[in-house]
Amino acid sequence: MSRSTARPPTGFRTIRRALSATTAVGLLAGLAACASAGSSEEQEGDGTLAGDVLMWTSFTQGPRAEYMEDMAARFEEENPGVSITIETFAWPEFYTKWTTGLASGQVPDLSSALPTHVVEMIGAEALVPVDDVIDSIGRDRFSEAALAEGQVDGVSYSVPIYTHAQVMWYRKDLLAAAGLEVPQTWDELRQAAEVLTSDDVYGLSVPLGSNDMMATRFLNYYVQSNGETLLNEDGTANLTSQAALDGIEYWVDMYETTSPEGSINYAVLDQATLYYQGKTAFDFNSGFQISGVADTSPDLLDQIAAAPLPRMDADDPIYGGETSNTPMVVWQASDVQEEAKAFLEFLYQDSDYIDFIHSVPGGMLPALSDISEDPAYLDEPTLQQFADTVDVIEEAVPLGTAIGMEEGPRIQAGILTSQGVIEGMFQSIILNDEPVEDAAIAAQEQLDSLFASAGAELG
């Protein structure tokens, strides 16, 4: 079977320089080994799909993991020559899995990804174009912004499979008992979280673990509410503007006054689990909070709701903060690209796709615009129960992007969210008593150095 040979432009290929010399050599050797193995087996097919497809996903929740297994079984039944194996990893584990897999030549044929991952994957020449899949599904059914996150020079390297946005979650019962209104500003959130912090409940947990991107995410909210982003227009990191410094100080203060001490090491699941268990009054997350609370503390389900991210002033416009258009990708090293693409397209059949979105109702919103208005999608009990909350999330989706991708795909985006630099900055301030401004300067310089090593054009 013929293999795609499209390559990203030079600027993106230079991301490989951000890796250590040893890792880079191993990565390129791994890719060469995979490509060599694949080319030795190339042959013109007769149109019949055949081969073993390895799929990696981060769809860890039971219902959507089960859905993927069911779709694989159905695809195999329709295509007896194809065998699909699905391996599932949490997002932090997935990042390590694919980056080390590139170096060793052990990568899948098809996988989920995050938009910031895709930028790095394109830079490593690890993906094949998927415009044929998008066109077959219907290009006009996807948001242009969602497609743009996986495009370079008009070529698409990813297909969005669902979308969601970050919002502020709160406990209605706790606010009512304390006579508090839903916070609209950062100051109001601080005051409410402090009031609601008790022996049984934390006002708001502040997750700062170095093995995840949560501190980056929280700082990004604050900076964006000031009309800035974590990347300056010239591509350099923004940690030393007054808005950024204020944001760092805000989250350090919130950690010290409303958060469990252990959150200094929290990753995303640690953070979310506290809210699922009813141990935090506020949290920031997507609609996945609904299923988490339903599974963990169903008696609290009627007491949770979401509001827009806090603003500096209540009269400020609502902003997006962070939108995730979670995509699927097909890997360059695959010997079964045709089969992988066929299975990918198979996942978007209307009734089946709606079942997939319904596997985490409110958590995954449709990437296909027409499905969002389909009565079969809307007629779902959880979506109806949380209609106001879903409206809040849907309002935020078109207002945001992945962190660092406000100006489109950038090499810097993946570095911002994967290298733990901002997380390390917070830990240095809290654990080592480093002054905020000194820590911010050091982290900004470290990020800019990583950006330059990756070949980003700065200044």
Protein backbone atom coordinates (compact mmCIF):
# COMPACT_ATOMS: atom_id res chain seq x y z
CA MET A 1 0.00 0.00 0.00
CA SER A 2 1.27 3.49 -0.78
CA ARG A 3 2.29 5.70 2.11
CA SER A 4 1.80 9.42 2.50
CA THR A 5 4.97 11.46 2.06
CA ALA A 6 3.68 14.94 2.88
CA ARG A 7 6.05 16.75 5.24
CA PRO A 8 5.54 19.76 7.48
CA PRO A 9 7.43 22.96 6.70
CA THR A 10 10.95 23.46 7.96
CA GLY A 11 9.92 25.69 10.87
CA PHE A 12 7.95 22.87 12.41
CA ARG A 13 10.53 20.20 11.77
CA THR A 14 13.02 22.10 13.88
CA ILE A 15 11.08 21.24 17.01
CA ARG A 16 13.25 18.13 17.18
CA ARG A 17 16.12 20.30 18.33
CA ALA A 18 14.27 20.83 21.61
CA LEU A 19 15.04 17.22 22.49
CA SER A 20 18.35 16.21 23.95
CA ALA A 21 20.93 15.03 21.45
CA THR A 22 20.54 11.44 22.60
CA THR A 23 16.75 11.51 22.44
CA ALA A 24 16.74 13.23 19.08
CA VAL A 25 19.07 10.67 17.55
CA GLY A 26 16.96 7.85 18.96
CA LEU A 27 13.74 9.46 17.77
CA LEU A 28 14.96 9.89 14.23
CA ALA A 29 16.45 6.41 14.18
CA GLY A 30 13.14 5.03 15.39
CA LEU A 31 11.24 6.83 12.68
CA ALA A 32 13.70 5.65 10.06
CA ALA A 33 13.39 2.07 11.29
CA CYS A 34 9.61 2.22 11.16
CA ALA A 35 9.63 3.80 7.71
CA SER A 36 12.10 1.24 6.43
CA ALA A 37 10.06 -1.65 7.80
CA GLY A 38 6.91 -0.24 6.26
CA SER A 39 8.43 0.36 2.83
CA SER A 40 9.61 -3.23 2.60
CA GLU A 41 6.03 -4.41 2.86
CA GLU A 42 4.45 -1.89 0.50
CA GLN A 43 2.24 -3.37 -2.15
CA GLU A 44 -0.73 -2.35 -4.21
CA GLY A 45 -3.91 -3.62 -2.61
CA ASP A 46 -7.12 -4.82 -4.21
CA GLY A 47 -9.30 -2.54 -2.09
CA THR A 48 -9.79 -5.09 0.67
CA LEU A 49 -8.80 -3.85 4.10
CA ALA A 50 -6.42 -6.14 5.97
CA GLY A 51 -3.91 -5.83 8.77
CA ASP A 52 -3.45 -5.33 12.49
CA VAL A 53 -4.31 -1.82 13.70
CA LEU A 54 -2.97 -0.59 17.05
CA MET A 55 -4.94 2.30 18.52
CA TRP A 56 -3.90 4.34 21.56
CA THR A 57 -6.50 6.45 23.31
CA SER A 58 -6.86 8.44 26.51
CA PHE A 59 -10.55 7.64 26.73
CA THR A 60 -10.14 6.20 30.21
CA GLN A 61 -13.73 6.51 31.44
CA GLY A 62 -15.51 3.16 31.31
CA PRO A 63 -18.43 4.09 28.98
CA ARG A 64 -16.36 5.65 26.23
CA ALA A 65 -13.61 3.02 26.52
CA GLU A 66 -16.31 0.36 26.15
CA TYR A 67 -17.76 2.26 23.21
CA MET A 68 -14.44 2.19 21.36
CA GLU A 69 -14.07 -1.55 21.98
CA ASP A 70 -17.58 -2.08 20.61
CA MET A 71 -16.87 0.00 17.50
CA ALA A 72 -13.65 -1.94 16.93
CA ALA A 73 -15.55 -5.24 17.12
CA ARG A 74 -18.15 -3.99 14.65
CA PHE A 75 -15.48 -2.74 12.25
CA GLU A 76 -13.70 -6.10 12.44
CA GLU A 77 -16.99 -7.86 11.68
CA GLU A 78 -17.47 -5.73 8.56
CA ASN A 79 -13.78 -6.11 7.61
CA PRO A 80 -12.71 -9.65 8.55
CA GLY A 81 -9.13 -9.04 7.46
CA VAL A 82 -8.64 -6.28 10.06
CA SER A 83 -7.80 -6.78 13.72
CA ILE A 84 -7.91 -3.73 16.04
CA THR A 85 -6.14 -3.58 19.40
CA ILE A 86 -6.92 -0.65 21.69
CA GLU A 87 -4.59 0.44 24.48
CA THR A 88 -5.69 3.15 26.91
CA PHE A 89 -3.54 5.64 28.84
CA ALA A 90 -4.24 8.68 31.01
CA TRP A 91 -3.20 11.94 29.34
CA PRO A 92 0.06 12.51 31.31
CA GLU A 93 1.07 8.89 30.70
CA PHE A 94 0.12 9.20 27.04
CA TYR A 95 2.53 12.09 26.48
CA THR A 96 5.42 10.05 27.87
CA LYS A 97 4.27 7.01 25.90
CA TRP A 98 4.33 8.64 22.49
CA THR A 99 7.48 10.71 22.97
CA THR A 100 9.50 7.72 24.14
CA GLY A 101 7.76 5.54 21.56
CA LEU A 102 9.04 7.75 18.75
CA ALA A 103 12.59 7.22 19.93
CA SER A 104 12.19 3.43 20.03
CA GLY A 105 9.99 3.07 16.96
CA GLN A 106 7.06 1.84 19.06
CA VAL A 107 4.12 4.02 18.07
CA PRO A 108 0.51 3.18 17.18
CA ASP A 109 -1.26 3.35 13.85
CA LEU A 110 -4.05 5.57 15.15
CA SER A 111 -4.44 7.55 18.36
CA SER A 112 -6.16 10.31 20.21
CA ALA A 113 -4.06 13.37 21.09
CA LEU A 114 -4.26 16.86 22.51
CA PRO A 115 -3.93 19.87 20.18
CA THR A 116 -0.61 20.79 21.80
CA HIS A 117 0.60 17.22 21.24
CA VAL A 118 -0.29 17.49 17.56
CA VAL A 119 1.99 20.51 17.12
CA GLU A 120 4.91 18.49 18.48
CA MET A 121 3.96 15.41 16.45
CA ILE A 122 3.89 17.47 13.26
CA GLY A 123 7.29 18.88 14.13
CA ALA A 124 8.65 15.35 14.54
CA GLU A 125 7.22 14.36 11.13
CA ALA A 126 5.25 11.68 12.94
CA LEU A 127 1.81 12.17 11.34
CA VAL A 128 0.22 11.78 7.92
CA PRO A 129 -2.28 14.22 6.41
CA VAL A 130 -5.94 13.35 7.03
CA ASP A 131 -7.67 15.78 4.68
CA ASP A 132 -9.15 12.80 2.85
CA VAL A 133 -10.86 11.62 6.05
CA ILE A 134 -12.12 15.12 6.86
CA ASP A 135 -13.52 15.60 3.36
CA SER A 136 -15.22 12.21 3.47
CA ILE A 137 -16.89 13.01 6.81
CA GLY A 138 -17.77 16.52 5.60
CA ARG A 139 -15.35 19.41 6.05
CA ASP A 140 -18.12 21.95 6.58
CA ARG A 141 -19.37 19.95 9.57
CA PHE A 142 -16.27 20.88 11.58
CA SER A 143 -15.42 24.22 13.12
CA GLU A 144 -12.73 26.01 11.11
CA ALA A 145 -11.00 26.92 14.38
CA ALA A 146 -10.91 23.29 15.48
CA LEU A 147 -9.45 22.14 12.17
CA ALA A 148 -6.90 24.98 12.18
CA GLU A 149 -5.31 23.67 15.38
CA GLY A 150 -4.04 20.68 13.42
CA GLN A 151 -3.14 22.41 10.16
CA VAL A 152 0.17 23.58 8.71
CA ASP A 153 0.25 25.35 5.34
CA GLY A 154 -3.36 24.26 4.75
CA VAL A 155 -2.66 20.56 5.33
CA SER A 156 -4.63 18.84 8.10
CA TYR A 157 -2.87 16.38 10.38
CA SER A 158 -5.69 15.76 12.88
CA VAL A 159 -9.45 15.23 12.97
CA PRO A 160 -11.39 16.71 15.93
CA ILE A 161 -13.52 14.05 17.63
CA TYR A 162 -15.05 16.10 20.45
CA THR A 163 -14.74 19.47 22.09
CA HIS A 164 -15.10 21.02 25.52
CA ALA A 165 -14.13 24.16 27.41
CA GLN A 166 -12.98 25.03 30.90
CA VAL A 167 -15.51 26.68 33.21
CA MET A 168 -15.88 27.33 36.94
CA TRP A 169 -17.72 24.64 38.90
CA TYR A 170 -19.39 25.33 42.21
CA ARG A 171 -21.57 23.73 44.87
CA LYS A 172 -25.00 25.32 44.95
CA ASP A 173 -25.83 24.02 48.41
CA LEU A 174 -22.68 25.36 50.04
CA LEU A 175 -23.13 28.80 48.52
CA ALA A 176 -26.79 28.91 49.60
CA ALA A 177 -25.99 27.83 53.16
CA ALA A 178 -23.42 30.61 53.46
CA GLY A 179 -25.67 33.20 51.82
CA LEU A 180 -23.21 33.71 48.95
CA GLU A 181 -23.79 34.50 45.29
CA VAL A 182 -21.96 32.72 42.49
CA PRO A 183 -18.62 34.55 42.10
CA GLN A 184 -18.13 36.55 38.93
CA THR A 185 -14.71 38.02 39.67
CA TRP A 186 -11.42 36.73 41.04
CA ASP A 187 -11.84 38.78 44.20
CA GLU A 188 -15.32 37.35 44.75
CA LEU A 189 -13.98 33.84 44.21
CA ARG A 190 -11.22 34.40 46.77
CA GLN A 191 -13.70 35.71 49.34
CA ALA A 192 -16.20 32.89 48.76
CA ALA A 193 -13.51 30.17 48.80
CA GLU A 194 -12.11 31.50 52.07
CA VAL A 195 -15.56 31.58 53.67
CA LEU A 196 -16.37 28.03 52.55
CA THR A 197 -13.06 26.51 53.65
CA SER A 198 -13.70 24.38 56.74
CA ASP A 199 -12.60 21.17 58.41
CA ASP A 200 -14.69 19.21 55.90
CA VAL A 201 -14.41 21.21 52.68
CA TYR A 202 -11.66 23.16 50.91
CA GLY A 203 -12.79 26.34 49.21
CA LEU A 204 -10.69 25.65 46.13
CA SER A 205 -7.82 23.25 45.54
CA VAL A 206 -4.87 24.70 43.62
CA PRO A 207 -3.08 21.87 41.74
CA LEU A 208 0.64 22.47 41.16
CA GLY A 209 2.08 19.00 40.44
CA SER A 210 5.09 18.96 38.13
CA ASN A 211 3.86 15.91 36.19
CA ASP A 212 0.86 17.73 34.74
CA MET A 213 -0.08 21.11 33.28
CA MET A 214 -2.59 22.22 35.90
CA ALA A 215 -0.64 25.19 37.27
CA THR A 216 -0.16 26.41 33.71
CA ARG A 217 -3.89 26.05 33.14
CA PHE A 218 -4.84 28.01 36.27
CA LEU A 219 -2.37 30.81 35.54
CA ASN A 220 -3.63 30.96 31.97
CA TYR A 221 -7.18 31.69 33.20
CA TYR A 222 -6.04 34.66 35.24
CA VAL A 223 -3.76 36.09 32.57
CA GLN A 224 -6.43 35.76 29.89
CA SER A 225 -8.96 37.55 32.09
CA ASN A 226 -6.52 40.50 31.95
CA GLY A 227 -6.56 40.45 28.17
CA GLU A 228 -3.16 38.75 27.85
CA THR A 229 -1.88 35.25 27.12
CA LEU A 230 1.06 33.18 28.31
CA LEU A 231 2.77 33.88 24.98
CA ASN A 232 3.57 37.38 23.83
CA GLU A 233 2.88 38.41 20.25
CA ASP A 234 6.58 37.94 19.45
CA GLY A 235 6.41 34.30 20.57
CA THR A 236 8.24 34.74 23.86
CA ALA A 237 6.85 33.60 27.21
CA ASN A 238 4.82 36.03 29.28
CA LEU A 239 5.41 35.46 32.99
CA THR A 240 6.70 38.86 34.05
CA SER A 241 3.99 41.28 32.92
CA GLN A 242 2.03 42.81 35.77
CA ALA A 243 -0.95 40.63 34.88
CA ALA A 244 1.16 37.47 35.02
CA LEU A 245 2.85 38.44 38.29
CA ASP A 246 -0.54 39.26 39.81
CA GLY A 247 -1.81 35.89 38.68
CA ILE A 248 1.13 34.04 40.21
CA GLU A 249 0.61 35.85 43.51
CA TYR A 250 -3.13 35.15 43.38
CA TRP A 251 -2.67 31.39 43.04
CA VAL A 252 0.08 31.24 45.66
CA ASP A 253 -2.26 33.01 48.08
CA MET A 254 -5.16 30.70 47.20
CA TYR A 255 -2.94 27.67 47.71
CA GLU A 256 -1.99 28.90 51.16
CA THR A 257 -5.53 29.82 52.26
CA THR A 258 -8.10 27.56 50.56
CA SER A 259 -6.27 24.48 49.28
CA PRO A 260 -5.04 21.18 50.74
CA GLU A 261 -1.31 21.16 51.35
CA GLY A 262 -0.91 18.07 49.18
CA SER A 263 -2.19 19.87 46.09
CA ILE A 264 1.39 21.05 45.55
CA ASN A 265 1.78 17.66 43.83
CA TYR A 266 -1.71 17.25 42.33
CA ALA A 267 -2.33 16.25 38.72
CA VAL A 268 -5.66 16.60 36.95
CA LEU A 269 -7.29 13.46 38.35
CA ASP A 270 -6.22 14.24 41.93
CA GLN A 271 -7.78 17.66 41.55
CA ALA A 272 -11.02 16.47 39.98
CA THR A 273 -11.48 13.65 42.49
CA LEU A 274 -11.73 16.12 45.37
CA TYR A 275 -14.67 17.80 43.64
CA TYR A 276 -16.22 14.44 42.76
CA GLN A 277 -16.08 13.52 46.46
CA GLY A 278 -17.64 16.78 47.60
CA LYS A 279 -14.45 17.97 49.29
CA THR A 280 -14.07 21.24 47.37
CA ALA A 281 -16.59 24.04 46.94
CA PHE A 282 -15.14 25.29 43.64
CA ASP A 283 -13.11 23.82 40.81
CA PHE A 284 -12.17 24.55 37.22
CA ASN A 285 -12.82 21.86 34.66
CA SER A 286 -14.97 20.86 31.70
CA GLY A 287 -18.28 19.04 31.66
CA PHE A 288 -16.50 15.83 32.67
CA GLN A 289 -17.26 16.94 36.24
CA ILE A 290 -20.84 15.77 35.74
CA SER A 291 -20.01 12.11 35.16
CA GLY A 292 -17.31 12.22 37.84
CA VAL A 293 -19.75 13.39 40.50
CA ALA A 294 -22.47 11.03 39.23
CA ASP A 295 -20.16 8.04 39.61
CA THR A 296 -18.56 9.08 42.91
CA SER A 297 -21.16 11.06 44.87
CA PRO A 298 -24.53 10.73 43.10
CA ASP A 299 -26.31 12.36 46.04
CA LEU A 300 -24.48 15.61 45.18
CA LEU A 301 -25.42 15.64 41.50
CA ASP A 302 -28.27 18.10 42.01
CA GLN A 303 -25.93 20.45 43.86
CA ILE A 304 -23.33 21.11 41.15
CA ALA A 305 -23.37 23.69 38.39
CA ALA A 306 -20.99 25.72 36.26
CA ALA A 307 -20.48 29.41 35.57
CA PRO A 308 -18.14 31.36 33.28
CA LEU A 309 -14.52 31.73 34.33
CA PRO A 310 -13.97 34.61 36.77
CA ARG A 311 -13.16 38.04 35.37
CA MET A 312 -11.30 41.02 36.76
CA ASP A 313 -14.51 43.06 36.91
CA ALA A 314 -18.06 41.76 36.70
CA ASP A 315 -18.71 44.01 33.69
CA ASP A 316 -15.82 42.52 31.70
CA PRO A 317 -16.79 40.33 28.75
CA ILE A 318 -16.84 36.55 29.13
CA TYR A 319 -13.69 34.98 27.71
CA GLY A 320 -12.84 31.43 26.63
CA GLY A 321 -9.83 30.65 28.80
CA GLU A 322 -9.17 27.24 27.29
CA THR A 323 -10.98 25.18 24.69
CA SER A 324 -9.90 21.66 23.84
CA ASN A 325 -10.79 20.33 20.40
CA THR A 326 -9.60 16.81 21.11
CA PRO A 327 -8.41 15.19 17.86
CA MET A 328 -7.49 11.83 16.38
CA VAL A 329 -4.31 11.30 14.36
CA VAL A 330 -2.84 8.68 12.02
CA TRP A 331 0.85 7.93 12.40
CA GLN A 332 3.44 8.15 9.62
CA ALA A 333 5.16 4.96 10.78
CA SER A 334 2.02 2.88 10.33
CA ASP A 335 2.01 0.05 7.81
CA VAL A 336 -1.79 0.11 7.79
CA GLN A 337 -2.60 3.76 7.19
CA GLU A 338 -5.53 2.90 4.91
CA GLU A 339 -7.08 0.64 7.53
CA ALA A 340 -6.43 3.16 10.32
CA LYS A 341 -8.10 5.93 8.32
CA ALA A 342 -11.04 3.68 7.46
CA PHE A 343 -11.64 2.91 11.14
CA LEU A 344 -11.27 6.59 12.03
CA GLU A 345 -13.95 7.54 9.50
CA PHE A 346 -16.11 4.67 10.78
CA LEU A 347 -16.30 6.40 14.19
CA TYR A 348 -18.18 9.39 12.72
CA GLN A 349 -21.35 7.65 11.53
CA ASP A 350 -24.13 9.83 12.88
CA SER A 351 -25.99 7.47 15.21
CA ASP A 352 -22.79 5.84 16.45
CA TYR A 353 -21.09 9.20 16.91
CA ILE A 354 -24.00 10.41 19.02
CA ASP A 355 -23.68 7.29 21.17
CA PHE A 356 -20.00 8.15 21.66
CA ILE A 357 -20.77 11.72 22.73
CA HIS A 358 -23.50 10.41 25.03
CA SER A 359 -21.00 8.10 26.75
CA VAL A 360 -19.91 11.16 28.77
CA PRO A 361 -22.89 13.53 28.39
CA GLY A 362 -21.91 17.15 28.92
CA GLY A 363 -18.25 16.18 29.10
CA MET A 364 -17.80 15.68 25.38
CA LEU A 365 -19.57 18.14 23.10
CA PRO A 366 -19.92 17.29 19.39
CA ALA A 367 -17.13 18.31 17.03
CA LEU A 368 -19.71 18.09 14.23
CA SER A 369 -21.87 21.21 14.16
CA ASP A 370 -24.98 19.52 12.77
CA ILE A 371 -24.95 16.90 15.53
CA SER A 372 -25.21 19.69 18.13
CA GLU A 373 -28.69 20.44 16.78
CA ASP A 374 -29.75 16.84 16.19
CA PRO A 375 -32.80 15.89 18.31
CA ALA A 376 -31.26 12.44 18.84
CA TYR A 377 -28.29 14.14 20.51
CA LEU A 378 -30.31 16.67 22.50
CA ASP A 379 -32.80 14.08 23.78
CA GLU A 380 -30.57 12.78 26.57
CA PRO A 381 -31.50 12.98 30.29
CA THR A 382 -28.19 14.35 31.60
CA LEU A 383 -27.97 17.00 28.88
CA GLN A 384 -31.51 18.07 29.72
CA GLN A 385 -30.84 18.11 33.48
CA PHE A 386 -27.71 20.23 33.01
CA ALA A 387 -28.97 22.33 30.11
CA ASP A 388 -27.95 25.63 31.73
CA THR A 389 -24.47 24.34 32.54
CA VAL A 390 -23.99 22.93 29.02
CA ASP A 391 -25.04 26.33 27.67
CA VAL A 392 -22.25 27.93 29.72
CA ILE A 393 -19.71 25.49 28.29
CA GLU A 394 -20.98 25.89 24.73
CA GLU A 395 -20.73 29.67 25.05
CA ALA A 396 -17.08 29.35 26.07
CA VAL A 397 -16.04 26.90 23.32
CA PRO A 398 -15.73 29.37 20.40
CA LEU A 399 -14.08 31.98 22.63
CA GLY A 400 -11.03 29.90 23.54
CA THR A 401 -8.23 27.79 22.12
CA ALA A 402 -5.69 25.35 23.45
CA ILE A 403 -3.14 27.08 25.71
CA GLY A 404 -0.51 28.84 23.62
CA MET A 405 -2.42 28.44 20.37
CA GLU A 406 -4.29 31.73 20.44
CA GLU A 407 -2.45 32.74 17.24
CA GLY A 408 -2.66 29.28 15.68
CA PRO A 409 -0.42 26.19 15.97
CA ARG A 410 2.86 27.09 17.63
CA ILE A 411 5.79 24.99 18.72
CA GLN A 412 5.74 26.92 22.00
CA ALA A 413 2.28 25.58 22.92
CA GLY A 414 3.47 22.04 23.46
CA ILE A 415 6.47 23.22 25.46
CA LEU A 416 4.32 25.44 27.70
CA THR A 417 2.08 22.54 28.68
CA SER A 418 4.47 19.58 28.73
CA GLN A 419 7.72 20.67 30.34
CA GLY A 420 6.48 21.57 33.83
CA VAL A 421 8.32 24.90 33.87
CA ILE A 422 5.43 26.92 35.30
CA GLU A 423 4.67 24.15 37.78
CA GLY A 424 8.31 24.20 38.89
CA MET A 425 8.10 27.96 39.29
CA PHE A 426 5.16 27.70 41.69
CA GLN A 427 6.84 24.94 43.66
CA SER A 428 10.00 27.02 44.00
CA ILE A 429 8.00 29.96 45.32
CA ILE A 430 6.05 27.88 47.83
CA LEU A 431 8.61 25.30 48.92
CA ASN A 432 11.81 27.35 48.66
CA ASP A 433 10.45 30.83 49.48
CA GLU A 434 11.82 32.18 46.21
CA PRO A 435 10.48 35.69 45.55
CA VAL A 436 7.68 35.70 42.98
CA GLU A 437 9.40 38.04 40.55
CA ASP A 438 12.71 36.15 40.70
CA ALA A 439 10.98 32.83 40.09
CA ALA A 440 8.94 34.30 37.23
CA ILE A 441 12.03 35.74 35.53
CA ALA A 442 13.86 32.42 35.82
CA ALA A 443 10.90 30.44 34.45
CA GLN A 444 10.38 32.89 31.60
CA GLU A 445 14.03 32.65 30.62
CA GLN A 446 13.87 28.85 30.79
CA LEU A 447 10.82 28.75 28.53
CA ASP A 448 12.33 31.17 26.02
CA SER A 449 15.46 29.03 25.92
CA LEU A 450 13.36 25.93 25.23
CA PHE A 451 11.42 27.79 22.55
CA ALA A 452 14.63 28.89 20.84
CA SER A 453 16.08 25.39 21.00
CA ALA A 454 12.93 24.14 19.30
CA GLY A 455 13.48 26.55 16.43
CA ALA A 456 10.71 29.00 17.29
CA GLU A 457 11.09 32.46 15.84
CA LEU A 458 11.21 34.89 18.77
CA GLY A 459 11.23 38.66 18.91
